[in-house]
PDB file of N, CA and C in Angstrom:
ATOM      1  N   MET A   1     -66.162-147.327  77.136  1.00  0.00           N
ATOM      2  CA  MET A   1     -67.015-147.011  78.311  1.00  0.00           C
ATOM      3  C   MET A   1     -66.546-147.868  79.447  1.00  0.00           C
ATOM      4  N   ALA A   2     -66.299-147.327  80.724  1.00  0.00           N
ATOM      5  CA  ALA A   2     -65.940-147.848  82.148  1.00  0.00           C
ATOM      6  C   ALA A   2     -67.052-148.604  82.229  1.00  0.00           C
ATOM      7  N   MET A   3     -66.954-149.655  83.083  1.00  0.00           N
ATOM      8  CA  MET A   3     -67.877-151.086  83.834  1.00  0.00           C
ATOM      9  C   MET A   3     -68.308-150.076  84.892  1.00  0.00           C
ATOM     10  N   GLN A   4     -69.378-149.956  85.161  1.00  0.00           N
ATOM     11  CA  GLN A   4     -69.698-149.561  86.221  1.00  0.00           C
ATOM     12  C   GLN A   4     -69.495-150.730  87.897  1.00  0.00           C
ATOM     13  N   GLU A   5     -69.407-150.132  89.006  1.00  0.00           N
ATOM     14  CA  GLU A   5     -68.668-150.973  90.077  1.00  0.00           C
ATOM     15  C   GLU A   5     -69.914-152.205  90.120  1.00  0.00           C
ATOM     16  N   PRO A   6     -71.268-151.858  90.147  1.00  0.00           N
ATOM     17  CA  PRO A   6     -72.420-153.402  90.605  1.00  0.00           C
ATOM     18  C   PRO A   6     -72.151-153.860  89.415  1.00  0.00           C
ATOM     19  N   THR A   7     -71.939-153.603  87.984  1.00  0.00           N
ATOM     20  CA  THR A   7     -72.006-154.485  87.097  1.00  0.00           C
ATOM     21  C   THR A   7     -70.888-155.166  86.912  1.00  0.00           C
ATOM     22  N   PHE A   8     -69.809-154.626  87.175  1.00  0.00           N
ATOM     23  CA  PHE A   8     -68.361-155.107  87.580  1.00  0.00           C
ATOM     24  C   PHE A   8     -68.643-156.782  88.759  1.00  0.00           C
ATOM     25  N   PHE A   9     -69.257-156.330  89.795  1.00  0.00           N
ATOM     26  CA  PHE A   9     -69.364-157.009  90.834  1.00  0.00           C
ATOM     27  C   PHE A   9     -70.626-158.478  90.485  1.00  0.00           C
ATOM     28  N   VAL A  10     -71.429-157.799  89.646  1.00  0.00           N
ATOM     29  CA  VAL A  10     -72.530-159.054  89.449  1.00  0.00           C
ATOM     30  C   VAL A  10     -71.668-160.013  88.514  1.00  0.00           C
ATOM     31  N   LEU A  11     -71.112-159.533  87.426  1.00  0.00           N
ATOM     32  CA  LEU A  11     -70.669-160.168  86.269  1.00  0.00           C
ATOM     33  C   LEU A  11     -69.257-161.001  87.269  1.00  0.00           C
ATOM     34  N   THR A  12     -68.573-160.525  88.184  1.00  0.00           N
ATOM     35  CA  THR A  12     -67.530-161.314  88.881  1.00  0.00           C
ATOM     36  C   THR A  12     -68.243-162.492  89.708  1.00  0.00           C
ATOM     37  N   ALA A  13     -69.383-162.269  90.490  1.00  0.00           N
ATOM     38  CA  ALA A  13     -70.138-163.108  90.992  1.00  0.00           C
ATOM     39  C   ALA A  13     -70.215-164.307  90.380  1.00  0.00           C
ATOM     40  N   LEU A  14     -70.457-164.084  89.038  1.00  0.00           N
ATOM     41  CA  LEU A  14     -71.465-165.003  88.220  1.00  0.00           C
ATOM     42  C   LEU A  14     -69.932-165.853  87.278  1.00  0.00           C
ATOM     43  N   VAL A  15     -68.859-165.640  87.790  1.00  0.00           N
ATOM     44  CA  VAL A  15     -67.685-166.403  86.861  1.00  0.00           C
ATOM     45  C   VAL A  15     -67.241-167.860  87.023  1.00  0.00           C
ATOM     46  N   ARG A  16     -68.031-168.268  88.716  1.00  0.00           N
ATOM     47  CA  ARG A  16     -67.498-169.361  89.053  1.00  0.00           C
ATOM     48  C   ARG A  16     -68.750-170.517  88.819  1.00  0.00           C
ATOM     49  N   THR A  17     -70.044-170.056  89.193  1.00  0.00           N
ATOM     50  CA  THR A  17     -71.063-170.688  88.947  1.00  0.00           C
ATOM     51  C   THR A  17     -72.181-169.897  88.940  1.00  0.00           C
ATOM     52  N   PRO A  18     -73.388-170.383  88.457  1.00  0.00           N
ATOM     53  CA  PRO A  18     -74.573-169.640  88.282  1.00  0.00           C
ATOM     54  C   PRO A  18     -75.289-169.382  89.714  1.00  0.00           C
ATOM     55  N   LEU A  19     -76.012-168.370  89.706  1.00  0.00           N
ATOM     56  CA  LEU A  19     -75.935-168.064  91.076  1.00  0.00           C
ATOM     57  C   LEU A  19     -78.047-167.607  90.426  1.00  0.00           C
ATOM     58  N   HIS A  20     -78.884-167.217  91.731  1.00  0.00           N
ATOM     59  CA  HIS A  20     -80.127-166.776  91.820  1.00  0.00           C
ATOM     60  C   HIS A  20     -79.855-165.256  92.131  1.00  0.00           C
ATOM     61  N   GLY A  21     -80.802-164.503  92.126  1.00  0.00           N
ATOM     62  CA  GLY A  21     -80.813-163.223  92.450  1.00  0.00           C
ATOM     63  C   GLY A  21     -80.595-162.719  93.707  1.00  0.00           C
ATOM     64  N   TYR A  22     -80.902-163.363  94.798  1.00  0.00           N
ATOM     65  CA  TYR A  22     -80.450-163.270  96.380  1.00  0.00           C
ATOM     66  C   TYR A  22     -79.175-163.857  96.377  1.00  0.00           C
ATOM     67  N   GLY A  23     -78.422-164.941  95.732  1.00  0.00           N
ATOM     68  CA  GLY A  23     -77.358-165.448  95.462  1.00  0.00           C
ATOM     69  C   GLY A  23     -76.462-164.440  94.862  1.00  0.00           C
ATOM     70  N   ILE A  24     -76.629-163.602  94.193  1.00  0.00           N
ATOM     71  CA  ILE A  24     -75.929-162.540  93.544  1.00  0.00           C
ATOM     72  C   ILE A  24     -75.703-161.413  94.409  1.00  0.00           C
ATOM     73  N   MET A  25     -77.000-161.114  94.958  1.00  0.00           N
ATOM     74  CA  MET A  25     -76.515-159.872  96.021  1.00  0.00           C
ATOM     75  C   MET A  25     -75.781-160.416  97.325  1.00  0.00           C
ATOM     76  N   GLN A  26     -75.952-161.143  97.702  1.00  0.00           N
ATOM     77  CA  GLN A  26     -74.910-161.741  98.744  1.00  0.00           C
ATOM     78  C   GLN A  26     -72.849-161.989  98.301  1.00  0.00           C
ATOM     79  N   ALA A  27     -73.172-162.236  96.937  1.00  0.00           N
ATOM     80  CA  ALA A  27     -71.703-162.457  96.679  1.00  0.00           C
ATOM     81  C   ALA A  27     -71.346-161.081  96.248  1.00  0.00           C
ATOM     82  N   VAL A  28     -72.220-160.226  95.768  1.00  0.00           N
ATOM     83  CA  VAL A  28     -71.928-158.856  95.498  1.00  0.00           C
ATOM     84  C   VAL A  28     -71.049-157.928  96.775  1.00  0.00           C
ATOM     85  N   GLU A  29     -71.977-158.203  97.507  1.00  0.00           N
ATOM     86  CA  GLU A  29     -71.701-157.380  98.896  1.00  0.00           C
ATOM     87  C   GLU A  29     -70.308-158.251  99.658  1.00  0.00           C
ATOM     88  N   GLU A  30     -70.274-159.497  99.392  1.00  0.00           N
ATOM     89  CA  GLU A  30     -69.130-160.211  99.883  1.00  0.00           C
ATOM     90  C   GLU A  30     -67.881-159.505  99.047  1.00  0.00           C
ATOM     91  N   LEU A  31     -67.947-159.925  97.848  1.00  0.00           N
ATOM     92  CA  LEU A  31     -66.716-159.406  96.728  1.00  0.00           C
ATOM     93  C   LEU A  31     -66.104-158.221  96.971  1.00  0.00           C
ATOM     94  N   SER A  32     -67.462-157.108  97.411  1.00  0.00           N
ATOM     95  CA  SER A  32     -66.904-155.810  97.283  1.00  0.00           C
ATOM     96  C   SER A  32     -66.264-155.126  98.529  1.00  0.00           C
ATOM     97  N   GLY A  33     -66.420-156.233  99.398  1.00  0.00           N
ATOM     98  CA  GLY A  33     -65.891-156.013 101.087  1.00  0.00           C
ATOM     99  C   GLY A  33     -66.983-155.314 101.534  1.00  0.00           C
ATOM    100  N   GLY A  34     -68.358-155.176 100.973  1.00  0.00           N
ATOM    101  CA  GLY A  34     -69.399-154.692 101.952  1.00  0.00           C
ATOM    102  C   GLY A  34     -69.751-153.208 101.035  1.00  0.00           C
ATOM    103  N   ARG A  35     -68.842-152.657 100.136  1.00  0.00           N
ATOM    104  CA  ARG A  35     -69.138-151.269  99.204  1.00  0.00           C
ATOM    105  C   ARG A  35     -70.304-151.315  98.468  1.00  0.00           C
ATOM    106  N   VAL A  36     -70.610-152.507  97.969  1.00  0.00           N
ATOM    107  CA  VAL A  36     -71.871-152.687  96.941  1.00  0.00           C
ATOM    108  C   VAL A  36     -72.434-153.366  97.593  1.00  0.00           C
ATOM    109  N   LYS A  37     -73.723-153.002  97.966  1.00  0.00           N
ATOM    110  CA  LYS A  37     -74.848-153.551  98.337  1.00  0.00           C
ATOM    111  C   LYS A  37     -76.292-153.264  97.703  1.00  0.00           C
ATOM    112  N   LEU A  38     -76.597-154.341  96.736  1.00  0.00           N
ATOM    113  CA  LEU A  38     -77.937-154.100  95.556  1.00  0.00           C
ATOM    114  C   LEU A  38     -79.025-154.468  96.156  1.00  0.00           C
ATOM    115  N   LYS A  39     -80.038-153.356  96.390  1.00  0.00           N
ATOM    116  CA  LYS A  39     -81.438-153.736  96.678  1.00  0.00           C
ATOM    117  C   LYS A  39     -82.137-154.576  95.834  1.00  0.00           C
ATOM    118  N   ALA A  40     -82.780-155.488  95.525  1.00  0.00           N
ATOM    119  CA  ALA A  40     -83.859-156.349  95.018  1.00  0.00           C
ATOM    120  C   ALA A  40     -84.160-155.434  93.493  1.00  0.00           C
ATOM    121  N   GLY A  41     -84.728-154.355  93.456  1.00  0.00           N
ATOM    122  CA  GLY A  41     -85.334-153.616  92.510  1.00  0.00           C
ATOM    123  C   GLY A  41     -84.478-153.208  91.428  1.00  0.00           C
ATOM    124  N   THR A  42     -83.066-152.893  92.056  1.00  0.00           N
ATOM    125  CA  THR A  42     -81.900-152.304  91.299  1.00  0.00           C
ATOM    126  C   THR A  42     -81.015-153.877  90.802  1.00  0.00           C
ATOM    127  N   LEU A  43     -81.406-154.565  91.681  1.00  0.00           N
ATOM    128  CA  LEU A  43     -80.508-155.877  90.773  1.00  0.00           C
ATOM    129  C   LEU A  43     -81.338-156.435  89.817  1.00  0.00           C
ATOM    130  N   TYR A  44     -82.461-156.569  89.919  1.00  0.00           N
ATOM    131  CA  TYR A  44     -83.349-157.482  88.847  1.00  0.00           C
ATOM    132  C   TYR A  44     -83.320-156.574  87.680  1.00  0.00           C
ATOM    133  N   ALA A  45     -83.447-155.164  87.939  1.00  0.00           N
ATOM    134  CA  ALA A  45     -83.292-154.142  86.484  1.00  0.00           C
ATOM    135  C   ALA A  45     -82.108-154.839  86.032  1.00  0.00           C
ATOM    136  N   ALA A  46     -80.931-154.371  86.580  1.00  0.00           N
ATOM    137  CA  ALA A  46     -79.238-154.756  86.190  1.00  0.00           C
ATOM    138  C   ALA A  46     -79.397-156.390  85.540  1.00  0.00           C
ATOM    139  N   LEU A  47     -79.884-157.228  86.218  1.00  0.00           N
ATOM    140  CA  LEU A  47     -79.991-158.683  85.591  1.00  0.00           C
ATOM    141  C   LEU A  47     -80.867-158.387  84.221  1.00  0.00           C
ATOM    142  N   ASP A  48     -81.999-157.797  84.381  1.00  0.00           N
ATOM    143  CA  ASP A  48     -82.640-157.670  83.042  1.00  0.00           C
ATOM    144  C   ASP A  48     -81.750-157.183  81.690  1.00  0.00           C
ATOM    145  N   ARG A  49     -80.803-155.867  82.012  1.00  0.00           N
ATOM    146  CA  ARG A  49     -80.277-155.500  81.339  1.00  0.00           C
ATOM    147  C   ARG A  49     -79.093-156.054  80.742  1.00  0.00           C
ATOM    148  N   LEU A  50     -78.331-156.828  81.723  1.00  0.00           N
ATOM    149  CA  LEU A  50     -77.133-157.543  81.312  1.00  0.00           C
ATOM    150  C   LEU A  50     -77.386-158.697  80.481  1.00  0.00           C
ATOM    151  N   THR A  51     -78.602-159.391  80.847  1.00  0.00           N
ATOM    152  CA  THR A  51     -79.492-160.115  79.738  1.00  0.00           C
ATOM    153  C   THR A  51     -79.728-159.876  78.001  1.00  0.00           C
ATOM    154  N   ALA A  52     -80.216-158.510  78.293  1.00  0.00           N
ATOM    155  CA  ALA A  52     -80.561-158.055  77.007  1.00  0.00           C
ATOM    156  C   ALA A  52     -79.141-157.838  76.227  1.00  0.00           C
ATOM    157  N   GLU A  53     -78.050-157.328  77.373  1.00  0.00           N
ATOM    158  CA  GLU A  53     -76.884-156.907  76.348  1.00  0.00           C
ATOM    159  C   GLU A  53     -76.105-158.266  76.032  1.00  0.00           C
ATOM    160  N   GLY A  54     -76.726-159.451  76.348  1.00  0.00           N
ATOM    161  CA  GLY A  54     -75.909-160.602  76.143  1.00  0.00           C
ATOM    162  C   GLY A  54     -74.694-161.190  76.851  1.00  0.00           C
ATOM    163  N   LEU A  55     -74.586-160.368  78.089  1.00  0.00           N
ATOM    164  CA  LEU A  55     -73.391-160.451  78.966  1.00  0.00           C
ATOM    165  C   LEU A  55     -73.458-161.852  80.096  1.00  0.00           C
ATOM    166  N   ILE A  56     -74.775-161.870  80.278  1.00  0.00           N
ATOM    167  CA  ILE A  56     -75.327-163.103  81.097  1.00  0.00           C
ATOM    168  C   ILE A  56     -76.541-163.947  80.464  1.00  0.00           C
ATOM    169  N   THR A  57     -76.647-164.927  81.088  1.00  0.00           N
ATOM    170  CA  THR A  57     -77.899-165.693  80.351  1.00  0.00           C
ATOM    171  C   THR A  57     -78.469-166.306  81.682  1.00  0.00           C
ATOM    172  N   VAL A  58     -79.667-166.798  81.171  1.00  0.00           N
ATOM    173  CA  VAL A  58     -80.626-167.600  82.088  1.00  0.00           C
ATOM    174  C   VAL A  58     -79.951-169.031  82.159  1.00  0.00           C
ATOM    175  N   ASP A  59     -79.408-169.369  82.802  1.00  0.00           N
ATOM    176  CA  ASP A  59     -79.202-170.787  83.222  1.00  0.00           C
ATOM    177  C   ASP A  59     -80.266-171.817  83.364  1.00  0.00           C
ATOM    178  N   ARG A  60     -81.237-171.523  84.199  1.00  0.00           N
ATOM    179  CA  ARG A  60     -82.300-172.430  84.486  1.00  0.00           C
ATOM    180  C   ARG A  60     -83.445-171.726  85.568  1.00  0.00           C
ATOM    181  N   GLU A  61     -84.289-172.200  85.527  1.00  0.00           N
ATOM    182  CA  GLU A  61     -85.626-171.951  86.552  1.00  0.00           C
ATOM    183  C   GLU A  61     -85.746-172.970  87.102  1.00  0.00           C
ATOM    184  N   GLU A  62     -86.467-172.666  88.585  1.00  0.00           N
ATOM    185  CA  GLU A  62     -87.102-173.705  89.309  1.00  0.00           C
ATOM    186  C   GLU A  62     -88.158-172.999  90.517  1.00  0.00           C
ATOM    187  N   ALA A  63     -88.929-173.790  90.784  1.00  0.00           N
ATOM    188  CA  ALA A  63     -89.781-173.468  91.611  1.00  0.00           C
ATOM    189  C   ALA A  63     -89.136-173.750  93.086  1.00  0.00           C
ATOM    190  N   VAL A  64     -89.447-172.541  93.950  1.00  0.00           N
ATOM    191  CA  VAL A  64     -89.120-172.470  95.242  1.00  0.00           C
ATOM    192  C   VAL A  64     -90.181-171.983  96.269  1.00  0.00           C
ATOM    193  N   ALA A  65     -90.730-172.914  97.035  1.00  0.00           N
ATOM    194  CA  ALA A  65     -91.648-172.259  97.861  1.00  0.00           C
ATOM    195  C   ALA A  65     -92.640-171.434  97.140  1.00  0.00           C
ATOM    196  N   GLY A  66     -93.326-171.925  95.933  1.00  0.00           N
ATOM    197  CA  GLY A  66     -94.366-171.625  95.105  1.00  0.00           C
ATOM    198  C   GLY A  66     -93.766-170.341  94.089  1.00  0.00           C
ATOM    199  N   ARG A  67     -92.508-169.747  94.425  1.00  0.00           N
ATOM    200  CA  ARG A  67     -91.965-168.973  93.569  1.00  0.00           C
ATOM    201  C   ARG A  67     -90.673-169.152  92.430  1.00  0.00           C
ATOM    202  N   LEU A  68     -90.589-168.781  91.473  1.00  0.00           N
ATOM    203  CA  LEU A  68     -89.788-169.139  90.604  1.00  0.00           C
ATOM    204  C   LEU A  68     -88.540-168.741  90.710  1.00  0.00           C
ATOM    205  N   ARG A  69     -87.469-169.454  90.655  1.00  0.00           N
ATOM    206  CA  ARG A  69     -86.215-168.764  91.395  1.00  0.00           C
ATOM    207  C   ARG A  69     -85.604-168.928  89.738  1.00  0.00           C
ATOM    208  N   ARG A  70     -84.763-167.994  89.176  1.00  0.00           N
ATOM    209  CA  ARG A  70     -83.853-167.838  88.221  1.00  0.00           C
ATOM    210  C   ARG A  70     -82.665-167.924  88.562  1.00  0.00           C
ATOM    211  N   TYR A  71     -81.873-168.711  87.805  1.00  0.00           N
ATOM    212  CA  TYR A  71     -80.242-168.758  88.039  1.00  0.00           C
ATOM    213  C   TYR A  71     -79.923-168.118  86.546  1.00  0.00           C
ATOM    214  N   TYR A  72     -78.751-167.511  86.903  1.00  0.00           N
ATOM    215  CA  TYR A  72     -77.959-166.754  85.912  1.00  0.00           C
ATOM    216  C   TYR A  72     -76.766-167.335  85.858  1.00  0.00           C
ATOM    217  N   VAL A  73     -76.101-167.320  84.400  1.00  0.00           N
ATOM    218  CA  VAL A  73     -74.427-167.467  84.281  1.00  0.00           C
ATOM    219  C   VAL A  73     -74.164-166.518  83.308  1.00  0.00           C
ATOM    220  N   LEU A  74     -72.490-166.386  83.607  1.00  0.00           N
ATOM    221  CA  LEU A  74     -71.972-165.690  82.955  1.00  0.00           C
ATOM    222  C   LEU A  74     -71.883-166.190  81.409  1.00  0.00           C
ATOM    223  N   SER A  75     -72.256-165.282  80.390  1.00  0.00           N
ATOM    224  CA  SER A  75     -72.083-165.800  78.926  1.00  0.00           C
ATOM    225  C   SER A  75     -70.635-165.544  78.500  1.00  0.00           C
ATOM    226  N   ASP A  76     -69.977-166.031  77.486  1.00  0.00           N
ATOM    227  CA  ASP A  76     -68.639-165.688  76.595  1.00  0.00           C
ATOM    228  C   ASP A  76     -68.429-164.345  76.811  1.00  0.00           C
ATOM    229  N   ASP A  77     -69.636-163.272  76.192  1.00  0.00           N
ATOM    230  CA  ASP A  77     -69.562-162.041  76.039  1.00  0.00           C
ATOM    231  C   ASP A  77     -69.364-161.179  77.444  1.00  0.00           C
ATOM    232  N   GLY A  78     -69.945-162.022  78.549  1.00  0.00           N
ATOM    233  CA  GLY A  78     -69.730-161.161  79.828  1.00  0.00           C
ATOM    234  C   GLY A  78     -68.482-161.734  80.251  1.00  0.00           C
ATOM    235  N   ARG A  79     -67.840-162.847  79.881  1.00  0.00           N
ATOM    236  CA  ARG A  79     -66.331-163.011  80.210  1.00  0.00           C
ATOM    237  C   ARG A  79     -65.556-162.438  79.590  1.00  0.00           C
ATOM    238  N   ALA A  80     -65.767-162.057  78.483  1.00  0.00           N
ATOM    239  CA  ALA A  80     -64.867-160.828  77.435  1.00  0.00           C
ATOM    240  C   ALA A  80     -64.909-159.510  78.034  1.00  0.00           C
ATOM    241  N   ALA A  81     -66.383-159.194  78.546  1.00  0.00           N
ATOM    242  CA  ALA A  81     -66.154-157.837  79.050  1.00  0.00           C
ATOM    243  C   ALA A  81     -65.431-157.738  80.038  1.00  0.00           C
ATOM    244  N   LEU A  82     -65.638-158.839  81.237  1.00  0.00           N
ATOM    245  CA  LEU A  82     -65.081-158.857  82.458  1.00  0.00           C
ATOM    246  C   LEU A  82     -63.807-158.712  82.535  1.00  0.00           C
ATOM    247  N   GLU A  83     -63.106-159.169  81.421  1.00  0.00           N
ATOM    248  CA  GLU A  83     -61.838-159.666  81.448  1.00  0.00           C
ATOM    249  C   GLU A  83     -61.009-157.872  81.057  1.00  0.00           C
ATOM    250  N   ALA A  84     -61.836-157.396  80.100  1.00  0.00           N
ATOM    251  CA  ALA A  84     -61.479-156.330  79.490  1.00  0.00           C
ATOM    252  C   ALA A  84     -61.594-155.197  80.704  1.00  0.00           C
ATOM    253  N   ALA A  85     -62.521-155.288  81.335  1.00  0.00           N
ATOM    254  CA  ALA A  85     -62.551-154.394  82.777  1.00  0.00           C
ATOM    255  C   ALA A  85     -61.783-154.855  83.658  1.00  0.00           C
ATOM    256  N   VAL A  86     -61.088-155.801  83.870  1.00  0.00           N
ATOM    257  CA  VAL A  86     -59.752-156.063  84.775  1.00  0.00           C
ATOM    258  C   VAL A  86     -58.729-155.287  84.104  1.00  0.00           C
ATOM    259  N   GLU A  87     -58.326-155.662  82.991  1.00  0.00           N
ATOM    260  CA  GLU A  87     -57.308-155.040  82.172  1.00  0.00           C
ATOM    261  C   GLU A  87     -57.467-153.652  82.372  1.00  0.00           C
ATOM    262  N   ARG A  88     -58.280-152.838  82.216  1.00  0.00           N
ATOM    263  CA  ARG A  88     -58.609-151.569  82.018  1.00  0.00           C
ATOM    264  C   ARG A  88     -57.924-151.284  83.793  1.00  0.00           C
ATOM    265  N   LEU A  89     -58.792-151.858  84.534  1.00  0.00           N
ATOM    266  CA  LEU A  89     -58.379-150.863  86.043  1.00  0.00           C
ATOM    267  C   LEU A  89     -57.000-151.539  86.317  1.00  0.00           C
ATOM    268  N   GLN A  90     -56.485-152.690  85.808  1.00  0.00           N
ATOM    269  CA  GLN A  90     -55.052-152.999  86.236  1.00  0.00           C
ATOM    270  C   GLN A  90     -54.213-151.754  85.535  1.00  0.00           C
ATOM    271  N   SER A  91     -54.453-151.330  84.365  1.00  0.00           N
ATOM    272  CA  SER A  91     -53.690-150.208  84.009  1.00  0.00           C
ATOM    273  C   SER A  91     -53.776-149.153  84.325  1.00  0.00           C
ATOM    274  N   ASN A  92     -54.959-148.688  84.719  1.00  0.00           N
ATOM    275  CA  ASN A  92     -55.284-147.451  85.672  1.00  0.00           C
ATOM    276  C   ASN A  92     -54.410-147.791  86.736  1.00  0.00           C
ATOM    277  N   ALA A  93     -54.394-148.751  87.419  1.00  0.00           N
ATOM    278  CA  ALA A  93     -53.740-148.817  88.804  1.00  0.00           C
ATOM    279  C   ALA A  93     -52.176-148.513  88.321  1.00  0.00           C
ATOM    280  N   ARG A  94     -51.695-149.121  87.582  1.00  0.00           N
ATOM    281  CA  ARG A  94     -50.259-149.127  87.340  1.00  0.00           C
ATOM    282  C   ARG A  94     -49.812-147.318  87.184  1.00  0.00           C
ATOM    283  N   VAL A  95     -50.799-146.965  86.282  1.00  0.00           N
ATOM    284  CA  VAL A  95     -50.530-145.258  85.964  1.00  0.00           C
ATOM    285  C   VAL A  95     -50.507-144.944  87.273  1.00  0.00           C
ATOM    286  N   ALA A  96     -51.511-145.052  88.111  1.00  0.00           N
ATOM    287  CA  ALA A  96     -51.779-144.099  89.050  1.00  0.00           C
ATOM    288  C   ALA A  96     -50.665-144.292  90.503  1.00  0.00           C
ATOM    289  N   SER A  97     -50.406-145.677  90.512  1.00  0.00           N
ATOM    290  CA  SER A  97     -49.034-146.349  91.404  1.00  0.00           C
ATOM    291  C   SER A  97     -47.475-145.608  91.025  1.00  0.00           C
ATOM    292  N   GLY A  98     -47.385-145.585  89.681  1.00  0.00           N
ATOM    293  CA  GLY A  98     -46.328-145.166  89.218  1.00  0.00           C
ATOM    294  C   GLY A  98     -46.246-143.386  89.606  1.00  0.00           C
ATOM    295  N   ARG A  99     -47.303-142.559  89.156  1.00  0.00           N
ATOM    296  CA  ARG A  99     -47.376-141.398  89.436  1.00  0.00           C
ATOM    297  C   ARG A  99     -46.876-141.466  91.018  1.00  0.00           C
ATOM    298  N   LEU A 100     -47.595-141.978  91.983  1.00  0.00           N
ATOM    299  CA  LEU A 100     -47.519-141.643  93.182  1.00  0.00           C
ATOM    300  C   LEU A 100     -46.093-142.092  93.456  1.00  0.00           C
ATOM    301  N   ARG A 101     -45.511-143.120  93.189  1.00  0.00           N
ATOM    302  CA  ARG A 101     -44.371-143.366  93.500  1.00  0.00           C
ATOM    303  C   ARG A 101     -43.229-142.372  93.193  1.00  0.00           C
ATOM    304  N   GLU A 102     -43.614-141.794  92.006  1.00  0.00           N
ATOM    305  CA  GLU A 102     -42.459-140.735  91.409  1.00  0.00           C
ATOM    306  C   GLU A 102     -42.722-139.792  92.233  1.00  0.00           C
ATOM    307  N   ALA A 103     -43.689-139.305  92.680  1.00  0.00           N
ATOM    308  CA  ALA A 103     -44.061-137.831  93.256  1.00  0.00           C
ATOM    309  C   ALA A 103     -43.828-138.135  94.824  1.00  0.00           C
ATOM    310  N   PHE A 104     -44.240-138.929  95.358  1.00  0.00           N
ATOM    311  CA  PHE A 104     -43.956-139.339  96.774  1.00  0.00           C
ATOM    312  C   PHE A 104     -43.054-140.389  97.368  1.00  0.00           C
ATOM    313  N   GLY A 105     -42.798-141.589  96.470  1.00  0.00           N
ATOM    314  CA  GLY A 105     -41.746-142.452  97.132  1.00  0.00           C
ATOM    315  C   GLY A 105     -42.405-143.521  97.790  1.00  0.00           C
ATOM    316  N   PHE A 106     -43.735-143.216  97.772  1.00  0.00           N
ATOM    317  CA  PHE A 106     -44.556-144.569  98.536  1.00  0.00           C
ATOM    318  C   PHE A 106     -45.547-144.712  97.710  1.00  0.00           C
ATOM    319  N   ILE A 107     -46.408-145.930  98.362  1.00  0.00           N
ATOM    320  CA  ILE A 107     -47.824-146.239  97.707  1.00  0.00           C
ATOM    321  C   ILE A 107     -49.009-146.732  98.894  1.00  0.00           C
ATOM    322  N   GLY A 108     -49.699-146.263  99.394  1.00  0.00           N
ATOM    323  CA  GLY A 108     -50.423-146.898 100.500  1.00  0.00           C
ATOM    324  C   GLY A 108     -49.724-146.669 101.873  1.00  0.00           C
ATOM    325  N   GLY A 109     -48.872-145.782 102.116  1.00  0.00           N
ATOM    326  CA  GLY A 109     -47.979-145.896 103.194  1.00  0.00           C
ATOM    327  C   GLY A 109     -46.900-146.557 103.495  1.00  0.00           C
ATOM    328  N   VAL A 110     -46.683-147.438 102.318  1.00  0.00           N
ATOM    329  CA  VAL A 110     -45.499-148.209 102.136  1.00  0.00           C
ATOM    330  C   VAL A 110     -44.284-147.369 101.297  1.00  0.00           C
ATOM    331  N   GLN A 111     -43.273-147.176 102.043  1.00  0.00           N
ATOM    332  CA  GLN A 111     -42.014-146.457 101.217  1.00  0.00           C
ATOM    333  C   GLN A 111     -41.598-147.405 100.042  1.00  0.00           C
ATOM    334  N   HIS A 112     -41.502-146.903  98.824  1.00  0.00           N
ATOM    335  CA  HIS A 112     -40.655-147.733  98.046  1.00  0.00           C
ATOM    336  C   HIS A 112     -39.492-146.937  97.180  1.00  0.00           C
ATOM    337  N   ALA A 113     -38.811-147.830  97.035  1.00  0.00           N
ATOM    338  CA  ALA A 113     -37.280-147.213  96.173  1.00  0.00           C
ATOM    339  C   ALA A 113     -37.581-146.634  94.833  1.00  0.00           C
TER     340      ALA A 113
END
């Protein structure tokens, strides 16, 4: 089953370093070029689901201004799932670009031989 775009970007946001919820929301918006903007309720439901599925884990918790801040990290299963999603997207893009090139001789407004 194809990975949903918000999940793809949440996992991508966690590739380099653990992040807390607000950091994940900012990273997802930046990585998606502003196309994906997660609201807090949606994000935390997704984080709970991804944790339950074993794709992310809680790295640590710290108290900030009297509130608990939870940091998440990509798990090995999450990395494998993200790698599979990347491979699927790349394969799909190759198929579509090949068809476009065959039919129209160009992709994205650029003429190809």
